[in-house]
Amino acid sequence: MEKVVECRYWKEYQGLNGWVMFCSAGAFAMRLTREEAKSCGCTEAKRETCKKVMESYIGYSVVPEIIGSKAGEVKAKTPGREPVSPGW
């Protein structure tokens, strides 16, 4: 079956109760810079389409947060995923 939304973050599969379609970037609370969003086609229009599809199939929707890309404007792209040193 052809994917409903062409995006590297879009996941879809058939579960026991029907199709499940969602944005994995939104599901894992990712933050994308404007450049990253543009490179994968995550525009406002496409985000609205993704929201409508998710709401019709699973009842709610989450899409990634788009953040600025200037130096100092982006601190942690994804909350709770700070670089960890091995401590050796």
PDB file of N, CA and C in Angstrom:
ATOM      1  N   MET A   1       0.840  -1.176   0.000  1.00  0.00           N
ATOM      2  CA  MET A   1       0.000   0.000   0.000  1.00  0.00           C
ATOM      3  C   MET A   1       0.889   1.245   0.000  1.00  0.00           C
ATOM      4  N   GLU A   2       0.484   2.229  -0.744  1.00  0.00           N
ATOM      5  CA  GLU A   2       1.227   3.488  -0.802  1.00  0.00           C
ATOM      6  C   GLU A   2       0.968   4.295   0.468  1.00  0.00           C
ATOM      7  N   LYS A   3       2.021   4.934   0.981  1.00  0.00           N
ATOM      8  CA  LYS A   3       1.871   5.730   2.199  1.00  0.00           C
ATOM      9  C   LYS A   3       0.952   6.924   1.960  1.00  0.00           C
ATOM     10  N   VAL A   4       0.167   7.258   2.956  1.00  0.00           N
ATOM     11  CA  VAL A   4      -0.746   8.391   2.875  1.00  0.00           C
ATOM     12  C   VAL A   4       0.036   9.700   2.859  1.00  0.00           C
ATOM     13  N   VAL A   5       1.085   9.790   3.684  1.00  0.00           N
ATOM     14  CA  VAL A   5       1.930  10.984   3.762  1.00  0.00           C
ATOM     15  C   VAL A   5       3.365  10.555   3.475  1.00  0.00           C
ATOM     16  N   GLU A   6       4.000  11.197   2.522  1.00  0.00           N
ATOM     17  CA  GLU A   6       5.390  10.890   2.194  1.00  0.00           C
ATOM     18  C   GLU A   6       6.315  11.706   3.090  1.00  0.00           C
ATOM     19  N   CYS A   7       6.881  11.054   4.093  1.00  0.00           N
ATOM     20  CA  CYS A   7       7.783  11.709   5.036  1.00  0.00           C
ATOM     21  C   CYS A   7       8.569  10.624   5.755  1.00  0.00           C
ATOM     22  N   ARG A   8       9.811  10.902   6.082  1.00  0.00           N
ATOM     23  CA  ARG A   8      10.622   9.889   6.767  1.00  0.00           C
ATOM     24  C   ARG A   8      10.142   9.630   8.190  1.00  0.00           C
ATOM     25  N   TYR A   9       9.393  10.560   8.777  1.00  0.00           N
ATOM     26  CA  TYR A   9       8.893  10.389  10.134  1.00  0.00           C
ATOM     27  C   TYR A   9       7.493   9.769  10.175  1.00  0.00           C
ATOM     28  N   TRP A  10       6.840   9.629   9.039  1.00  0.00           N
ATOM     29  CA  TRP A  10       5.472   9.115   8.994  1.00  0.00           C
ATOM     30  C   TRP A  10       5.489   7.594   9.079  1.00  0.00           C
ATOM     31  N   LYS A  11       4.735   7.036  10.015  1.00  0.00           N
ATOM     32  CA  LYS A  11       4.638   5.587  10.210  1.00  0.00           C
ATOM     33  C   LYS A  11       3.188   5.165  10.046  1.00  0.00           C
ATOM     34  N   GLU A  12       2.991   4.032   9.422  1.00  0.00           N
ATOM     35  CA  GLU A  12       1.642   3.490   9.311  1.00  0.00           C
ATOM     36  C   GLU A  12       1.714   1.968   9.235  1.00  0.00           C
ATOM     37  N   TYR A  13       0.783   1.347   9.914  1.00  0.00           N
ATOM     38  CA  TYR A  13       0.690  -0.111   9.905  1.00  0.00           C
ATOM     39  C   TYR A  13      -0.732  -0.511  10.267  1.00  0.00           C
ATOM     40  N   GLN A  14      -1.064  -1.752   9.966  1.00  0.00           N
ATOM     41  CA  GLN A  14      -2.397  -2.227  10.285  1.00  0.00           C
ATOM     42  C   GLN A  14      -2.343  -2.981  11.606  1.00  0.00           C
ATOM     43  N   GLY A  15      -3.094  -2.490  12.584  1.00  0.00           N
ATOM     44  CA  GLY A  15      -3.183  -3.127  13.888  1.00  0.00           C
ATOM     45  C   GLY A  15      -4.431  -3.985  13.980  1.00  0.00           C
ATOM     46  N   LEU A  16      -4.711  -4.486  15.156  1.00  0.00           N
ATOM     47  CA  LEU A  16      -5.889  -5.330  15.349  1.00  0.00           C
ATOM     48  C   LEU A  16      -7.193  -4.585  15.097  1.00  0.00           C
ATOM     49  N   ASN A  17      -7.216  -3.297  15.386  1.00  0.00           N
ATOM     50  CA  ASN A  17      -8.439  -2.508  15.231  1.00  0.00           C
ATOM     51  C   ASN A  17      -8.425  -1.612  14.002  1.00  0.00           C
ATOM     52  N   GLY A  18      -7.566  -1.891  13.047  1.00  0.00           N
ATOM     53  CA  GLY A  18      -7.509  -1.083  11.834  1.00  0.00           C
ATOM     54  C   GLY A  18      -6.161  -0.400  11.670  1.00  0.00           C
ATOM     55  N   TRP A  19      -6.120   0.562  10.772  1.00  0.00           N
ATOM     56  CA  TRP A  19      -4.874   1.245  10.460  1.00  0.00           C
ATOM     57  C   TRP A  19      -4.457   2.206  11.564  1.00  0.00           C
ATOM     58  N   VAL A  20      -3.157   2.247  11.805  1.00  0.00           N
ATOM     59  CA  VAL A  20      -2.554   3.200  12.738  1.00  0.00           C
ATOM     60  C   VAL A  20      -1.601   4.052  11.909  1.00  0.00           C
ATOM     61  N   MET A  21      -1.801   5.352  11.945  1.00  0.00           N
ATOM     62  CA  MET A  21      -0.953   6.273  11.184  1.00  0.00           C
ATOM     63  C   MET A  21      -0.561   7.421  12.095  1.00  0.00           C
ATOM     64  N   PHE A  22       0.753   7.695  12.168  1.00  0.00           N
ATOM     65  CA  PHE A  22       1.209   8.757  13.062  1.00  0.00           C
ATOM     66  C   PHE A  22       2.559   9.298  12.641  1.00  0.00           C
ATOM     67  N   CYS A  23       2.884  10.460  13.179  1.00  0.00           N
ATOM     68  CA  CYS A  23       4.173  11.105  12.957  1.00  0.00           C
ATOM     69  C   CYS A  23       5.099  10.700  14.107  1.00  0.00           C
ATOM     70  N   SER A  24       6.151   9.950  13.814  1.00  0.00           N
ATOM     71  CA  SER A  24       7.049   9.496  14.881  1.00  0.00           C
ATOM     72  C   SER A  24       7.826  10.660  15.490  1.00  0.00           C
ATOM     73  N   ALA A  25       8.078  11.706  14.727  1.00  0.00           N
ATOM     74  CA  ALA A  25       8.766  12.880  15.280  1.00  0.00           C
ATOM     75  C   ALA A  25       7.897  13.543  16.342  1.00  0.00           C
ATOM     76  N   GLY A  26       6.623  13.658  16.092  1.00  0.00           N
ATOM     77  CA  GLY A  26       5.700  14.219  17.076  1.00  0.00           C
ATOM     78  C   GLY A  26       5.504  13.287  18.256  1.00  0.00           C
ATOM     79  N   ALA A  27       5.430  11.990  17.978  1.00  0.00           N
ATOM     80  CA  ALA A  27       5.206  11.009  19.038  1.00  0.00           C
ATOM     81  C   ALA A  27       6.347  10.990  20.051  1.00  0.00           C
ATOM     82  N   PHE A  28       7.570  11.254  19.590  1.00  0.00           N
ATOM     83  CA  PHE A  28       8.720  11.252  20.486  1.00  0.00           C
ATOM     84  C   PHE A  28       9.156  12.664  20.866  1.00  0.00           C
ATOM     85  N   ALA A  29       8.260  13.640  20.710  1.00  0.00           N
ATOM     86  CA  ALA A  29       8.480  15.035  21.122  1.00  0.00           C
ATOM     87  C   ALA A  29       9.758  15.632  20.539  1.00  0.00           C
ATOM     88  N   MET A  30      10.031  15.324  19.282  1.00  0.00           N
ATOM     89  CA  MET A  30      11.206  15.900  18.627  1.00  0.00           C
ATOM     90  C   MET A  30      10.968  17.370  18.321  1.00  0.00           C
ATOM     91  N   ARG A  31      12.043  18.105  18.280  1.00  0.00           N
ATOM     92  CA  ARG A  31      12.017  19.505  17.865  1.00  0.00           C
ATOM     93  C   ARG A  31      12.858  19.602  16.604  1.00  0.00           C
ATOM     94  N   LEU A  32      12.288  20.158  15.568  1.00  0.00           N
ATOM     95  CA  LEU A  32      13.006  20.315  14.307  1.00  0.00           C
ATOM     96  C   LEU A  32      13.320  21.786  14.083  1.00  0.00           C
ATOM     97  N   THR A  33      14.517  22.049  13.572  1.00  0.00           N
ATOM     98  CA  THR A  33      14.821  23.423  13.181  1.00  0.00           C
ATOM     99  C   THR A  33      14.050  23.724  11.901  1.00  0.00           C
ATOM    100  N   ARG A  34      13.981  24.984  11.547  1.00  0.00           N
ATOM    101  CA  ARG A  34      13.266  25.354  10.318  1.00  0.00           C
ATOM    102  C   ARG A  34      13.886  24.677   9.101  1.00  0.00           C
ATOM    103  N   GLU A  35      15.215  24.571   9.076  1.00  0.00           N
ATOM    104  CA  GLU A  35      15.899  23.937   7.949  1.00  0.00           C
ATOM    105  C   GLU A  35      15.577  22.449   7.879  1.00  0.00           C
ATOM    106  N   GLU A  36      15.584  21.763   9.024  1.00  0.00           N
ATOM    107  CA  GLU A  36      15.246  20.338   9.041  1.00  0.00           C
ATOM    108  C   GLU A  36      13.807  20.110   8.594  1.00  0.00           C
ATOM    109  N   ALA A  37      12.912  20.951   9.069  1.00  0.00           N
ATOM    110  CA  ALA A  37      11.503  20.827   8.689  1.00  0.00           C
ATOM    111  C   ALA A  37      11.337  21.044   7.188  1.00  0.00           C
ATOM    112  N   LYS A  38      12.030  22.044   6.666  1.00  0.00           N
ATOM    113  CA  LYS A  38      11.939  22.329   5.234  1.00  0.00           C
ATOM    114  C   LYS A  38      12.513  21.178   4.413  1.00  0.00           C
ATOM    115  N   SER A  39      13.619  20.592   4.873  1.00  0.00           N
ATOM    116  CA  SER A  39      14.261  19.515   4.114  1.00  0.00           C
ATOM    117  C   SER A  39      13.406  18.254   4.045  1.00  0.00           C
ATOM    118  N   CYS A  40      12.589  18.005   5.056  1.00  0.00           N
ATOM    119  CA  CYS A  40      11.735  16.808   5.017  1.00  0.00           C
ATOM    120  C   CYS A  40      10.309  17.138   4.587  1.00  0.00           C
ATOM    121  N   GLY A  41      10.063  18.406   4.232  1.00  0.00           N
ATOM    122  CA  GLY A  41       8.752  18.788   3.717  1.00  0.00           C
ATOM    123  C   GLY A  41       7.703  19.030   4.782  1.00  0.00           C
ATOM    124  N   CYS A  42       8.136  19.315   5.998  1.00  0.00           N
ATOM    125  CA  CYS A  42       7.208  19.541   7.111  1.00  0.00           C
ATOM    126  C   CYS A  42       6.750  21.005   7.096  1.00  0.00           C
ATOM    127  N   THR A  43       5.885  21.329   6.146  1.00  0.00           N
ATOM    128  CA  THR A  43       5.354  22.684   6.018  1.00  0.00           C
ATOM    129  C   THR A  43       4.070  22.804   6.831  1.00  0.00           C
ATOM    130  N   GLU A  44       3.578  24.012   6.993  1.00  0.00           N
ATOM    131  CA  GLU A  44       2.319  24.215   7.730  1.00  0.00           C
ATOM    132  C   GLU A  44       1.173  23.460   7.069  1.00  0.00           C
ATOM    133  N   ALA A  45       1.121  23.493   5.741  1.00  0.00           N
ATOM    134  CA  ALA A  45       0.047  22.796   5.019  1.00  0.00           C
ATOM    135  C   ALA A  45       0.132  21.287   5.239  1.00  0.00           C
ATOM    136  N   LYS A  46       1.349  20.740   5.169  1.00  0.00           N
ATOM    137  CA  LYS A  46       1.512  19.298   5.360  1.00  0.00           C
ATOM    138  C   LYS A  46       1.236  18.913   6.812  1.00  0.00           C
ATOM    139  N   ARG A  47       1.621  19.780   7.750  1.00  0.00           N
ATOM    140  CA  ARG A  47       1.358  19.497   9.160  1.00  0.00           C
ATOM    141  C   ARG A  47      -0.148  19.422   9.413  1.00  0.00           C
ATOM    142  N   GLU A  48      -0.921  20.292   8.766  1.00  0.00           N
ATOM    143  CA  GLU A  48      -2.382  20.253   8.905  1.00  0.00           C
ATOM    144  C   GLU A  48      -2.942  18.957   8.332  1.00  0.00           C
ATOM    145  N   THR A  49      -2.396  18.527   7.183  1.00  0.00           N
ATOM    146  CA  THR A  49      -2.824  17.259   6.588  1.00  0.00           C
ATOM    147  C   THR A  49      -2.515  16.104   7.531  1.00  0.00           C
ATOM    148  N   CYS A  50      -1.303  16.091   8.085  1.00  0.00           N
ATOM    149  CA  CYS A  50      -0.904  15.025   9.012  1.00  0.00           C
ATOM    150  C   CYS A  50      -1.821  14.999  10.232  1.00  0.00           C
ATOM    151  N   LYS A  51      -2.132  16.171  10.775  1.00  0.00           N
ATOM    152  CA  LYS A  51      -3.016  16.254  11.940  1.00  0.00           C
ATOM    153  C   LYS A  51      -4.385  15.669  11.629  1.00  0.00           C
ATOM    154  N   LYS A  52      -4.943  16.012  10.469  1.00  0.00           N
ATOM    155  CA  LYS A  52      -6.268  15.513  10.091  1.00  0.00           C
ATOM    156  C   LYS A  52      -6.264  13.995   9.944  1.00  0.00           C
ATOM    157  N   VAL A  53      -5.225  13.458   9.304  1.00  0.00           N
ATOM    158  CA  VAL A  53      -5.138  12.008   9.116  1.00  0.00           C
ATOM    159  C   VAL A  53      -5.023  11.308  10.465  1.00  0.00           C
ATOM    160  N   MET A  54      -4.136  11.799  11.335  1.00  0.00           N
ATOM    161  CA  MET A  54      -3.966  11.175  12.653  1.00  0.00           C
ATOM    162  C   MET A  54      -5.249  11.238  13.463  1.00  0.00           C
ATOM    163  N   GLU A  55      -5.919  12.371  13.459  1.00  0.00           N
ATOM    164  CA  GLU A  55      -7.152  12.512  14.234  1.00  0.00           C
ATOM    165  C   GLU A  55      -8.244  11.591  13.717  1.00  0.00           C
ATOM    166  N   SER A  56      -8.290  11.359  12.417  1.00  0.00           N
ATOM    167  CA  SER A  56      -9.326  10.480  11.883  1.00  0.00           C
ATOM    168  C   SER A  56      -9.023   9.007  12.155  1.00  0.00           C
ATOM    169  N   TYR A  57      -7.746   8.630  12.263  1.00  0.00           N
ATOM    170  CA  TYR A  57      -7.401   7.228  12.481  1.00  0.00           C
ATOM    171  C   TYR A  57      -7.184   6.865  13.948  1.00  0.00           C
ATOM    172  N   ILE A  58      -6.567   7.745  14.741  1.00  0.00           N
ATOM    173  CA  ILE A  58      -6.297   7.386  16.139  1.00  0.00           C
ATOM    174  C   ILE A  58      -6.938   8.319  17.152  1.00  0.00           C
ATOM    175  N   GLY A  59      -7.633   9.350  16.692  1.00  0.00           N
ATOM    176  CA  GLY A  59      -8.397  10.195  17.599  1.00  0.00           C
ATOM    177  C   GLY A  59      -7.681  11.422  18.138  1.00  0.00           C
ATOM    178  N   TYR A  60      -6.390  11.539  17.942  1.00  0.00           N
ATOM    179  CA  TYR A  60      -5.639  12.721  18.379  1.00  0.00           C
ATOM    180  C   TYR A  60      -4.422  12.873  17.476  1.00  0.00           C
ATOM    181  N   SER A  61      -3.737  13.989  17.611  1.00  0.00           N
ATOM    182  CA  SER A  61      -2.572  14.202  16.753  1.00  0.00           C
ATOM    183  C   SER A  61      -1.479  14.954  17.499  1.00  0.00           C
ATOM    184  N   VAL A  62      -0.246  14.636  17.152  1.00  0.00           N
ATOM    185  CA  VAL A  62       0.925  15.361  17.651  1.00  0.00           C
ATOM    186  C   VAL A  62       1.908  15.501  16.493  1.00  0.00           C
ATOM    187  N   VAL A  63       2.424  16.693  16.328  1.00  0.00           N
ATOM    188  CA  VAL A  63       3.427  16.953  15.294  1.00  0.00           C
ATOM    189  C   VAL A  63       4.640  17.576  15.978  1.00  0.00           C
ATOM    190  N   PRO A  64       5.818  17.485  15.356  1.00  0.00           N
ATOM    191  CA  PRO A  64       7.012  18.036  15.999  1.00  0.00           C
ATOM    192  C   PRO A  64       6.961  19.552  16.127  1.00  0.00           C
ATOM    193  N   GLU A  65       7.621  20.038  17.150  1.00  0.00           N
ATOM    194  CA  GLU A  65       7.729  21.482  17.352  1.00  0.00           C
ATOM    195  C   GLU A  65       8.803  22.028  16.414  1.00  0.00           C
ATOM    196  N   ILE A  66       8.509  23.134  15.762  1.00  0.00           N
ATOM    197  CA  ILE A  66       9.481  23.789  14.883  1.00  0.00           C
ATOM    198  C   ILE A  66      10.117  24.926  15.678  1.00  0.00           C
ATOM    199  N   ILE A  67      11.462  24.890  15.772  1.00  0.00           N
ATOM    200  CA  ILE A  67      12.177  25.888  16.563  1.00  0.00           C
ATOM    201  C   ILE A  67      13.097  26.698  15.663  1.00  0.00           C
ATOM    202  N   GLY A  68      13.580  27.818  16.173  1.00  0.00           N
ATOM    203  CA  GLY A  68      14.491  28.680  15.424  1.00  0.00           C
ATOM    204  C   GLY A  68      15.813  27.997  15.169  1.00  0.00           C
ATOM    205  N   SER A  69      16.604  28.592  14.302  1.00  0.00           N
ATOM    206  CA  SER A  69      17.873  27.964  13.946  1.00  0.00           C
ATOM    207  C   SER A  69      19.073  28.873  14.144  1.00  0.00           C
ATOM    208  N   LYS A  70      18.880  30.031  14.755  1.00  0.00           N
ATOM    209  CA  LYS A  70      20.007  30.925  14.994  1.00  0.00           C
ATOM    210  C   LYS A  70      20.839  30.402  16.159  1.00  0.00           C
ATOM    211  N   ALA A  71      22.113  30.725  16.161  1.00  0.00           N
ATOM    212  CA  ALA A  71      22.996  30.298  17.241  1.00  0.00           C
ATOM    213  C   ALA A  71      22.460  30.817  18.566  1.00  0.00           C
ATOM    214  N   GLY A  72      22.385  29.956  19.538  1.00  0.00           N
ATOM    215  CA  GLY A  72      21.872  30.334  20.842  1.00  0.00           C
ATOM    216  C   GLY A  72      20.369  30.179  20.955  1.00  0.00           C
ATOM    217  N   GLU A  73      19.682  30.073  19.817  1.00  0.00           N
ATOM    218  CA  GLU A  73      18.232  29.916  19.830  1.00  0.00           C
ATOM    219  C   GLU A  73      17.850  28.451  20.039  1.00  0.00           C
ATOM    220  N   VAL A  74      18.724  27.556  19.610  1.00  0.00           N
ATOM    221  CA  VAL A  74      18.472  26.129  19.744  1.00  0.00           C
ATOM    222  C   VAL A  74      19.383  25.599  20.836  1.00  0.00           C
ATOM    223  N   LYS A  75      18.805  25.169  21.936  1.00  0.00           N
ATOM    224  CA  LYS A  75      19.614  24.625  23.027  1.00  0.00           C
ATOM    225  C   LYS A  75      19.599  23.106  22.959  1.00  0.00           C
ATOM    226  N   ALA A  76      18.493  22.502  23.266  1.00  0.00           N
ATOM    227  CA  ALA A  76      18.366  21.051  23.178  1.00  0.00           C
ATOM    228  C   ALA A  76      17.280  20.762  22.152  1.00  0.00           C
ATOM    229  N   LYS A  77      17.625  19.991  21.132  1.00  0.00           N
ATOM    230  CA  LYS A  77      16.642  19.713  20.093  1.00  0.00           C
ATOM    231  C   LYS A  77      15.510  18.851  20.622  1.00  0.00           C
ATOM    232  N   THR A  78      15.834  17.894  21.454  1.00  0.00           N
ATOM    233  CA  THR A  78      14.806  17.026  22.009  1.00  0.00           C
ATOM    234  C   THR A  78      14.959  17.025  23.516  1.00  0.00           C
ATOM    235  N   PRO A  79      13.898  17.321  24.255  1.00  0.00           N
ATOM    236  CA  PRO A  79      14.013  17.386  25.709  1.00  0.00           C
ATOM    237  C   PRO A  79      14.482  16.062  26.297  1.00  0.00           C
ATOM    238  N   GLY A  80      15.375  16.164  27.280  1.00  0.00           N
ATOM    239  CA  GLY A  80      15.836  14.967  27.977  1.00  0.00           C
ATOM    240  C   GLY A  80      16.873  14.166  27.221  1.00  0.00           C
ATOM    241  N   ARG A  81      17.371  14.673  26.124  1.00  0.00           N
ATOM    242  CA  ARG A  81      18.361  13.925  25.354  1.00  0.00           C
ATOM    243  C   ARG A  81      19.653  14.718  25.239  1.00  0.00           C
ATOM    244  N   GLU A  82      20.150  15.138  26.357  1.00  0.00           N
ATOM    245  CA  GLU A  82      21.411  15.870  26.388  1.00  0.00           C
ATOM    246  C   GLU A  82      22.551  14.867  26.183  1.00  0.00           C
ATOM    247  N   PRO A  83      23.659  15.296  25.586  1.00  0.00           N
ATOM    248  CA  PRO A  83      24.800  14.397  25.428  1.00  0.00           C
ATOM    249  C   PRO A  83      25.301  13.923  26.794  1.00  0.00           C
ATOM    250  N   VAL A  84      25.610  12.660  26.872  1.00  0.00           N
ATOM    251  CA  VAL A  84      26.071  12.068  28.128  1.00  0.00           C
ATOM    252  C   VAL A  84      27.509  11.616  27.941  1.00  0.00           C
ATOM    253  N   SER A  85      28.393  12.044  28.849  1.00  0.00           N
ATOM    254  CA  SER A  85      29.776  11.589  28.763  1.00  0.00           C
ATOM    255  C   SER A  85      29.875  10.228  29.441  1.00  0.00           C
ATOM    256  N   PRO A  86      30.774   9.372  28.965  1.00  0.00           N
ATOM    257  CA  PRO A  86      30.883   8.038  29.545  1.00  0.00           C
ATOM    258  C   PRO A  86      31.400   8.041  30.980  1.00  0.00           C
ATOM    259  N   GLY A  87      32.051   9.120  31.420  1.00  0.00           N
ATOM    260  CA  GLY A  87      32.527   9.217  32.799  1.00  0.00           C
ATOM    261  C   GLY A  87      33.742   8.364  33.105  1.00  0.00           C
ATOM    262  N   TRP A  88      34.583   8.125  32.106  1.00  0.00           N
ATOM    263  CA  TRP A  88      35.758   7.291  32.331  1.00  0.00           C
ATOM    264  C   TRP A  88      36.866   8.078  32.890  1.00  0.00           C
TER     265      TRP A  88
END
